[in-house]
Amino acid sequence: MNGLTTITTKGQVTIPFEVRQMLNIAIGDKVSFTTIEPDTKEIMIKIIPSSVVDQIAGSLSSKIKYLDFKNVRKIAGKLLAEKYKIK
């Protein structure tokens, strides 16, 4: 099997269908680049199934309270107005 693909102008690559099928890669899975060898231009790519990501999501605690996007934009607007002295 040949897993050859081309890097796009945005630095993206497509994992060939045969490779995705062989590794049971699904939409939403994450890709981790590990073991980077600059001298030989080799890397190891690990697939992290989305089910694993879903399982650990929210498992870390934070002292920062959650703010929805609307409130974050409002606060950011006020801070920028103060910074640039805009009324």
PDB file of N, CA and C in Angstrom:
ATOM      1  N   MET A   1       0.843  -1.184   0.000  1.00  0.00           N
ATOM      2  CA  MET A   1       0.000   0.000   0.000  1.00  0.00           C
ATOM      3  C   MET A   1       0.888   1.248   0.000  1.00  0.00           C
ATOM      4  N   ASN A   2       0.481   2.231  -0.782  1.00  0.00           N
ATOM      5  CA  ASN A   2       1.213   3.491  -0.854  1.00  0.00           C
ATOM      6  C   ASN A   2       0.386   4.559  -0.155  1.00  0.00           C
ATOM      7  N   GLY A   3       0.937   5.160   0.899  1.00  0.00           N
ATOM      8  CA  GLY A   3       0.227   6.187   1.639  1.00  0.00           C
ATOM      9  C   GLY A   3       0.691   7.578   1.266  1.00  0.00           C
ATOM     10  N   LEU A   4       1.095   7.766   0.019  1.00  0.00           N
ATOM     11  CA  LEU A   4       1.629   9.041  -0.424  1.00  0.00           C
ATOM     12  C   LEU A   4       0.524  10.081  -0.570  1.00  0.00           C
ATOM     13  N   THR A   5       0.777  11.282  -0.043  1.00  0.00           N
ATOM     14  CA  THR A   5      -0.166  12.384  -0.145  1.00  0.00           C
ATOM     15  C   THR A   5       0.626  13.674  -0.297  1.00  0.00           C
ATOM     16  N   THR A   6      -0.054  14.761  -0.636  1.00  0.00           N
ATOM     17  CA  THR A   6       0.613  16.041  -0.895  1.00  0.00           C
ATOM     18  C   THR A   6       0.210  17.068   0.148  1.00  0.00           C
ATOM     19  N   ILE A   7       1.151  17.895   0.571  1.00  0.00           N
ATOM     20  CA  ILE A   7       0.869  18.978   1.513  1.00  0.00           C
ATOM     21  C   ILE A   7       0.265  20.140   0.725  1.00  0.00           C
ATOM     22  N   THR A   8      -0.852  20.687   1.219  1.00  0.00           N
ATOM     23  CA  THR A   8      -1.506  21.808   0.548  1.00  0.00           C
ATOM     24  C   THR A   8      -0.824  23.119   0.916  1.00  0.00           C
ATOM     25  N   THR A   9      -1.262  24.207   0.299  1.00  0.00           N
ATOM     26  CA  THR A   9      -0.691  25.521   0.602  1.00  0.00           C
ATOM     27  C   THR A   9      -0.977  25.936   2.042  1.00  0.00           C
ATOM     28  N   LYS A  10      -1.987  25.336   2.661  1.00  0.00           N
ATOM     29  CA  LYS A  10      -2.311  25.619   4.061  1.00  0.00           C
ATOM     30  C   LYS A  10      -1.580  24.678   5.018  1.00  0.00           C
ATOM     31  N   GLY A  11      -0.716  23.818   4.485  1.00  0.00           N
ATOM     32  CA  GLY A  11       0.025  22.886   5.332  1.00  0.00           C
ATOM     33  C   GLY A  11      -0.789  21.673   5.736  1.00  0.00           C
ATOM     34  N   GLN A  12      -1.865  21.405   5.031  1.00  0.00           N
ATOM     35  CA  GLN A  12      -2.739  20.282   5.371  1.00  0.00           C
ATOM     36  C   GLN A  12      -2.444  19.077   4.490  1.00  0.00           C
ATOM     37  N   VAL A  13      -2.733  17.906   5.036  1.00  0.00           N
ATOM     38  CA  VAL A  13      -2.616  16.671   4.257  1.00  0.00           C
ATOM     39  C   VAL A  13      -3.891  15.860   4.434  1.00  0.00           C
ATOM     40  N   THR A  14      -4.174  15.020   3.468  1.00  0.00           N
ATOM     41  CA  THR A  14      -5.307  14.102   3.565  1.00  0.00           C
ATOM     42  C   THR A  14      -4.752  12.723   3.858  1.00  0.00           C
ATOM     43  N   ILE A  15      -5.295  12.082   4.877  1.00  0.00           N
ATOM     44  CA  ILE A  15      -4.896  10.706   5.166  1.00  0.00           C
ATOM     45  C   ILE A  15      -5.621   9.830   4.146  1.00  0.00           C
ATOM     46  N   PRO A  16      -4.884   9.061   3.356  1.00  0.00           N
ATOM     47  CA  PRO A  16      -5.519   8.254   2.311  1.00  0.00           C
ATOM     48  C   PRO A  16      -6.599   7.318   2.867  1.00  0.00           C
ATOM     49  N   PHE A  17      -7.607   7.081   2.044  1.00  0.00           N
ATOM     50  CA  PHE A  17      -8.752   6.267   2.442  1.00  0.00           C
ATOM     51  C   PHE A  17      -8.314   4.912   2.994  1.00  0.00           C
ATOM     52  N   GLU A  18      -7.389   4.248   2.303  1.00  0.00           N
ATOM     53  CA  GLU A  18      -6.947   2.915   2.736  1.00  0.00           C
ATOM     54  C   GLU A  18      -6.350   2.950   4.141  1.00  0.00           C
ATOM     55  N   VAL A  19      -5.590   4.010   4.441  1.00  0.00           N
ATOM     56  CA  VAL A  19      -4.976   4.156   5.768  1.00  0.00           C
ATOM     57  C   VAL A  19      -6.059   4.411   6.812  1.00  0.00           C
ATOM     58  N   ARG A  20      -7.003   5.315   6.502  1.00  0.00           N
ATOM     59  CA  ARG A  20      -8.103   5.600   7.437  1.00  0.00           C
ATOM     60  C   ARG A  20      -8.904   4.339   7.714  1.00  0.00           C
ATOM     61  N   GLN A  21      -9.156   3.569   6.672  1.00  0.00           N
ATOM     62  CA  GLN A  21      -9.937   2.333   6.817  1.00  0.00           C
ATOM     63  C   GLN A  21      -9.168   1.304   7.643  1.00  0.00           C
ATOM     64  N   MET A  22      -7.883   1.146   7.347  1.00  0.00           N
ATOM     65  CA  MET A  22      -7.056   0.162   8.036  1.00  0.00           C
ATOM     66  C   MET A  22      -6.936   0.476   9.534  1.00  0.00           C
ATOM     67  N   LEU A  23      -6.851   1.784   9.874  1.00  0.00           N
ATOM     68  CA  LEU A  23      -6.687   2.195  11.269  1.00  0.00           C
ATOM     69  C   LEU A  23      -8.006   2.548  11.940  1.00  0.00           C
ATOM     70  N   ASN A  24      -9.101   2.398  11.200  1.00  0.00           N
ATOM     71  CA  ASN A  24     -10.442   2.691  11.729  1.00  0.00           C
ATOM     72  C   ASN A  24     -10.519   4.134  12.239  1.00  0.00           C
ATOM     73  N   ILE A  25      -9.993   5.064  11.429  1.00  0.00           N
ATOM     74  CA  ILE A  25     -10.003   6.482  11.777  1.00  0.00           C
ATOM     75  C   ILE A  25     -11.370   7.055  11.411  1.00  0.00           C
ATOM     76  N   ALA A  26     -11.963   7.792  12.353  1.00  0.00           N
ATOM     77  CA  ALA A  26     -13.299   8.340  12.134  1.00  0.00           C
ATOM     78  C   ALA A  26     -13.261   9.863  12.176  1.00  0.00           C
ATOM     79  N   ILE A  27     -14.304  10.478  11.633  1.00  0.00           N
ATOM     80  CA  ILE A  27     -14.443  11.924  11.689  1.00  0.00           C
ATOM     81  C   ILE A  27     -14.482  12.348  13.154  1.00  0.00           C
ATOM     82  N   GLY A  28     -13.720  13.369  13.503  1.00  0.00           N
ATOM     83  CA  GLY A  28     -13.670  13.855  14.883  1.00  0.00           C
ATOM     84  C   GLY A  28     -12.500  13.316  15.676  1.00  0.00           C
ATOM     85  N   ASP A  29     -11.835  12.265  15.165  1.00  0.00           N
ATOM     86  CA  ASP A  29     -10.642  11.761  15.844  1.00  0.00           C
ATOM     87  C   ASP A  29      -9.553  12.822  15.795  1.00  0.00           C
ATOM     88  N   LYS A  30      -8.657  12.810  16.747  1.00  0.00           N
ATOM     89  CA  LYS A  30      -7.558  13.758  16.815  1.00  0.00           C
ATOM     90  C   LYS A  30      -6.286  13.090  16.319  1.00  0.00           C
ATOM     91  N   VAL A  31      -5.353  13.910  15.807  1.00  0.00           N
ATOM     92  CA  VAL A  31      -4.066  13.424  15.329  1.00  0.00           C
ATOM     93  C   VAL A  31      -2.981  14.056  16.184  1.00  0.00           C
ATOM     94  N   SER A  32      -2.091  13.233  16.718  1.00  0.00           N
ATOM     95  CA  SER A  32      -0.988  13.714  17.544  1.00  0.00           C
ATOM     96  C   SER A  32       0.321  13.389  16.830  1.00  0.00           C
ATOM     97  N   PHE A  33       1.197  14.402  16.715  1.00  0.00           N
ATOM     98  CA  PHE A  33       2.499  14.199  16.097  1.00  0.00           C
ATOM     99  C   PHE A  33       3.525  14.010  17.211  1.00  0.00           C
ATOM    100  N   THR A  34       4.138  12.843  17.255  1.00  0.00           N
ATOM    101  CA  THR A  34       5.117  12.540  18.295  1.00  0.00           C
ATOM    102  C   THR A  34       6.393  12.011  17.652  1.00  0.00           C
ATOM    103  N   THR A  35       7.420  11.869  18.437  1.00  0.00           N
ATOM    104  CA  THR A  35       8.708  11.353  17.987  1.00  0.00           C
ATOM    105  C   THR A  35       9.147  12.042  16.697  1.00  0.00           C
ATOM    106  N   ILE A  36       9.431  13.319  16.806  1.00  0.00           N
ATOM    107  CA  ILE A  36       9.854  14.105  15.649  1.00  0.00           C
ATOM    108  C   ILE A  36      11.373  13.991  15.492  1.00  0.00           C
ATOM    109  N   GLU A  37      11.821  13.571  14.315  1.00  0.00           N
ATOM    110  CA  GLU A  37      13.240  13.409  14.001  1.00  0.00           C
ATOM    111  C   GLU A  37      13.605  14.366  12.864  1.00  0.00           C
ATOM    112  N   PRO A  38      14.055  15.609  13.187  1.00  0.00           N
ATOM    113  CA  PRO A  38      14.365  16.596  12.143  1.00  0.00           C
ATOM    114  C   PRO A  38      15.463  16.146  11.176  1.00  0.00           C
ATOM    115  N   ASP A  39      16.455  15.401  11.670  1.00  0.00           N
ATOM    116  CA  ASP A  39      17.567  14.991  10.811  1.00  0.00           C
ATOM    117  C   ASP A  39      17.112  14.072   9.674  1.00  0.00           C
ATOM    118  N   THR A  40      16.228  13.140   9.986  1.00  0.00           N
ATOM    119  CA  THR A  40      15.751  12.190   8.971  1.00  0.00           C
ATOM    120  C   THR A  40      14.393  12.587   8.403  1.00  0.00           C
ATOM    121  N   LYS A  41      13.839  13.717   8.921  1.00  0.00           N
ATOM    122  CA  LYS A  41      12.517  14.211   8.491  1.00  0.00           C
ATOM    123  C   LYS A  41      11.446  13.144   8.668  1.00  0.00           C
ATOM    124  N   GLU A  42      11.470  12.480   9.824  1.00  0.00           N
ATOM    125  CA  GLU A  42      10.485  11.453  10.145  1.00  0.00           C
ATOM    126  C   GLU A  42       9.718  11.859  11.392  1.00  0.00           C
ATOM    127  N   ILE A  43       8.451  11.519  11.397  1.00  0.00           N
ATOM    128  CA  ILE A  43       7.617  11.726  12.577  1.00  0.00           C
ATOM    129  C   ILE A  43       6.732  10.510  12.780  1.00  0.00           C
ATOM    130  N   MET A  44       6.215  10.384  13.976  1.00  0.00           N
ATOM    131  CA  MET A  44       5.234   9.348  14.249  1.00  0.00           C
ATOM    132  C   MET A  44       3.903  10.060  14.468  1.00  0.00           C
ATOM    133  N   ILE A  45       2.876   9.555  13.841  1.00  0.00           N
ATOM    134  CA  ILE A  45       1.539  10.120  13.982  1.00  0.00           C
ATOM    135  C   ILE A  45       0.699   9.124  14.764  1.00  0.00           C
ATOM    136  N   LYS A  46       0.046   9.614  15.808  1.00  0.00           N
ATOM    137  CA  LYS A  46      -0.847   8.766  16.596  1.00  0.00           C
ATOM    138  C   LYS A  46      -2.260   9.297  16.459  1.00  0.00           C
ATOM    139  N   ILE A  47      -3.213   8.398  16.313  1.00  0.00           N
ATOM    140  CA  ILE A  47      -4.623   8.758  16.214  1.00  0.00           C
ATOM    141  C   ILE A  47      -5.251   8.602  17.593  1.00  0.00           C
ATOM    142  N   ILE A  48      -5.933   9.645  18.035  1.00  0.00           N
ATOM    143  CA  ILE A  48      -6.628   9.607  19.320  1.00  0.00           C
ATOM    144  C   ILE A  48      -8.121   9.623  19.018  1.00  0.00           C
ATOM    145  N   PRO A  49      -8.804   8.496  19.260  1.00  0.00           N
ATOM    146  CA  PRO A  49     -10.235   8.428  18.943  1.00  0.00           C
ATOM    147  C   PRO A  49     -11.027   9.502  19.677  1.00  0.00           C
ATOM    148  N   SER A  50     -12.046  10.032  19.015  1.00  0.00           N
ATOM    149  CA  SER A  50     -12.846  11.101  19.617  1.00  0.00           C
ATOM    150  C   SER A  50     -13.528  10.632  20.895  1.00  0.00           C
ATOM    151  N   SER A  51     -13.786   9.341  21.020  1.00  0.00           N
ATOM    152  CA  SER A  51     -14.407   8.834  22.242  1.00  0.00           C
ATOM    153  C   SER A  51     -13.510   9.074  23.455  1.00  0.00           C
ATOM    154  N   VAL A  52     -12.188   8.988  23.263  1.00  0.00           N
ATOM    155  CA  VAL A  52     -11.239   9.247  24.347  1.00  0.00           C
ATOM    156  C   VAL A  52     -11.286  10.721  24.722  1.00  0.00           C
ATOM    157  N   VAL A  53     -11.314  11.592  23.722  1.00  0.00           N
ATOM    158  CA  VAL A  53     -11.375  13.031  23.968  1.00  0.00           C
ATOM    159  C   VAL A  53     -12.663  13.371  24.716  1.00  0.00           C
ATOM    160  N   ASP A  54     -13.775  12.785  24.297  1.00  0.00           N
ATOM    161  CA  ASP A  54     -15.053  13.024  24.965  1.00  0.00           C
ATOM    162  C   ASP A  54     -15.024  12.562  26.420  1.00  0.00           C
ATOM    163  N   GLN A  55     -14.338  11.457  26.695  1.00  0.00           N
ATOM    164  CA  GLN A  55     -14.283  10.910  28.044  1.00  0.00           C
ATOM    165  C   GLN A  55     -13.533  11.825  28.997  1.00  0.00           C
ATOM    166  N   ILE A  56     -12.469  12.485  28.524  1.00  0.00           N
ATOM    167  CA  ILE A  56     -11.675  13.306  29.432  1.00  0.00           C
ATOM    168  C   ILE A  56     -12.069  14.780  29.409  1.00  0.00           C
ATOM    169  N   ALA A  57     -12.957  15.157  28.489  1.00  0.00           N
ATOM    170  CA  ALA A  57     -13.382  16.559  28.401  1.00  0.00           C
ATOM    171  C   ALA A  57     -14.003  16.995  29.720  1.00  0.00           C
ATOM    172  N   GLY A  58     -13.556  18.115  30.240  1.00  0.00           N
ATOM    173  CA  GLY A  58     -14.092  18.653  31.481  1.00  0.00           C
ATOM    174  C   GLY A  58     -13.535  18.005  32.736  1.00  0.00           C
ATOM    175  N   SER A  59     -12.547  17.141  32.592  1.00  0.00           N
ATOM    176  CA  SER A  59     -12.019  16.441  33.765  1.00  0.00           C
ATOM    177  C   SER A  59     -11.056  17.302  34.582  1.00  0.00           C
ATOM    178  N   LEU A  60     -10.582  18.388  34.010  1.00  0.00           N
ATOM    179  CA  LEU A  60      -9.698  19.281  34.748  1.00  0.00           C
ATOM    180  C   LEU A  60     -10.512  20.396  35.387  1.00  0.00           C
ATOM    181  N   SER A  61     -10.201  20.706  36.621  1.00  0.00           N
ATOM    182  CA  SER A  61     -10.944  21.758  37.298  1.00  0.00           C
ATOM    183  C   SER A  61     -10.256  23.102  37.057  1.00  0.00           C
ATOM    184  N   SER A  62     -11.028  24.157  37.209  1.00  0.00           N
ATOM    185  CA  SER A  62     -10.507  25.495  36.998  1.00  0.00           C
ATOM    186  C   SER A  62     -11.163  26.451  37.982  1.00  0.00           C
ATOM    187  N   LYS A  63     -10.407  27.453  38.417  1.00  0.00           N
ATOM    188  CA  LYS A  63     -10.967  28.464  39.311  1.00  0.00           C
ATOM    189  C   LYS A  63     -11.651  29.570  38.509  1.00  0.00           C
ATOM    190  N   ILE A  64     -11.488  29.543  37.192  1.00  0.00           N
ATOM    191  CA  ILE A  64     -12.105  30.535  36.328  1.00  0.00           C
ATOM    192  C   ILE A  64     -13.529  30.084  36.015  1.00  0.00           C
ATOM    193  N   LYS A  65     -14.499  30.962  36.292  1.00  0.00           N
ATOM    194  CA  LYS A  65     -15.869  30.564  36.025  1.00  0.00           C
ATOM    195  C   LYS A  65     -16.151  30.641  34.531  1.00  0.00           C
ATOM    196  N   TYR A  66     -17.076  29.823  34.072  1.00  0.00           N
ATOM    197  CA  TYR A  66     -17.443  29.772  32.663  1.00  0.00           C
ATOM    198  C   TYR A  66     -18.223  31.010  32.268  1.00  0.00           C
ATOM    199  N   LEU A  67     -17.844  31.610  31.151  1.00  0.00           N
ATOM    200  CA  LEU A  67     -18.586  32.727  30.589  1.00  0.00           C
ATOM    201  C   LEU A  67     -18.951  32.368  29.159  1.00  0.00           C
ATOM    202  N   ASP A  68     -20.189  32.645  28.787  1.00  0.00           N
ATOM    203  CA  ASP A  68     -20.576  32.356  27.416  1.00  0.00           C
ATOM    204  C   ASP A  68     -19.953  33.387  26.478  1.00  0.00           C
ATOM    205  N   PHE A  69     -19.987  33.097  25.207  1.00  0.00           N
ATOM    206  CA  PHE A  69     -19.326  33.915  24.189  1.00  0.00           C
ATOM    207  C   PHE A  69     -19.814  35.355  24.203  1.00  0.00           C
ATOM    208  N   LYS A  70     -21.109  35.552  24.404  1.00  0.00           N
ATOM    209  CA  LYS A  70     -21.684  36.897  24.398  1.00  0.00           C
ATOM    210  C   LYS A  70     -21.082  37.757  25.514  1.00  0.00           C
ATOM    211  N   ASN A  71     -20.981  37.200  26.703  1.00  0.00           N
ATOM    212  CA  ASN A  71     -20.409  37.936  27.836  1.00  0.00           C
ATOM    213  C   ASN A  71     -18.914  38.182  27.666  1.00  0.00           C
ATOM    214  N   VAL A  72     -18.212  37.224  27.085  1.00  0.00           N
ATOM    215  CA  VAL A  72     -16.778  37.393  26.861  1.00  0.00           C
ATOM    216  C   VAL A  72     -16.541  38.551  25.890  1.00  0.00           C
ATOM    217  N   ARG A  73     -17.330  38.613  24.824  1.00  0.00           N
ATOM    218  CA  ARG A  73     -17.192  39.715  23.850  1.00  0.00           C
ATOM    219  C   ARG A  73     -17.494  41.059  24.513  1.00  0.00           C
ATOM    220  N   LYS A  74     -18.504  41.078  25.391  1.00  0.00           N
ATOM    221  CA  LYS A  74     -18.884  42.318  26.075  1.00  0.00           C
ATOM    222  C   LYS A  74     -17.727  42.808  26.961  1.00  0.00           C
ATOM    223  N   ILE A  75     -17.144  41.897  27.733  1.00  0.00           N
ATOM    224  CA  ILE A  75     -16.027  42.239  28.617  1.00  0.00           C
ATOM    225  C   ILE A  75     -14.818  42.675  27.797  1.00  0.00           C
ATOM    226  N   ALA A  76     -14.524  41.949  26.722  1.00  0.00           N
ATOM    227  CA  ALA A  76     -13.383  42.301  25.869  1.00  0.00           C
ATOM    228  C   ALA A  76     -13.583  43.677  25.254  1.00  0.00           C
ATOM    229  N   GLY A  77     -14.811  43.981  24.837  1.00  0.00           N
ATOM    230  CA  GLY A  77     -15.112  45.296  24.271  1.00  0.00           C
ATOM    231  C   GLY A  77     -14.853  46.409  25.260  1.00  0.00           C
ATOM    232  N   LYS A  78     -15.270  46.206  26.499  1.00  0.00           N
ATOM    233  CA  LYS A  78     -15.051  47.213  27.540  1.00  0.00           C
ATOM    234  C   LYS A  78     -13.552  47.416  27.796  1.00  0.00           C
ATOM    235  N   LEU A  79     -12.808  46.320  27.863  1.00  0.00           N
ATOM    236  CA  LEU A  79     -11.371  46.406  28.106  1.00  0.00           C
ATOM    237  C   LEU A  79     -10.651  47.115  26.954  1.00  0.00           C
ATOM    238  N   LEU A  80     -11.040  46.808  25.727  1.00  0.00           N
ATOM    239  CA  LEU A  80     -10.430  47.475  24.572  1.00  0.00           C
ATOM    240  C   LEU A  80     -10.793  48.950  24.533  1.00  0.00           C
ATOM    241  N   ALA A  81     -12.026  49.287  24.892  1.00  0.00           N
ATOM    242  CA  ALA A  81     -12.445  50.686  24.930  1.00  0.00           C
ATOM    243  C   ALA A  81     -11.626  51.466  25.955  1.00  0.00           C
ATOM    244  N   GLU A  82     -11.373  50.839  27.107  1.00  0.00           N
ATOM    245  CA  GLU A  82     -10.551  51.494  28.135  1.00  0.00           C
ATOM    246  C   GLU A  82      -9.101  51.654  27.631  1.00  0.00           C
ATOM    247  N   LYS A  83      -8.585  50.607  27.004  1.00  0.00           N
ATOM    248  CA  LYS A  83      -7.205  50.636  26.531  1.00  0.00           C
ATOM    249  C   LYS A  83      -6.993  51.745  25.495  1.00  0.00           C
ATOM    250  N   TYR A  84      -7.938  51.872  24.571  1.00  0.00           N
ATOM    251  CA  TYR A  84      -7.785  52.846  23.483  1.00  0.00           C
ATOM    252  C   TYR A  84      -8.572  54.147  23.740  1.00  0.00           C
ATOM    253  N   LYS A  85      -9.069  54.267  24.972  1.00  0.00           N
ATOM    254  CA  LYS A  85      -9.790  55.465  25.405  1.00  0.00           C
ATOM    255  C   LYS A  85     -10.939  55.842  24.455  1.00  0.00           C
ATOM    256  N   ILE A  86     -11.769  54.841  24.184  1.00  0.00           N
ATOM    257  CA  ILE A  86     -12.942  55.022  23.340  1.00  0.00           C
ATOM    258  C   ILE A  86     -14.173  55.022  24.229  1.00  0.00           C
ATOM    259  N   LYS A  87     -15.104  55.929  23.950  1.00  0.00           N
ATOM    260  CA  LYS A  87     -16.328  55.979  24.758  1.00  0.00           C
ATOM    261  C   LYS A  87     -17.403  55.129  24.153  1.00  0.00           C
TER     262      LYS A  87
END
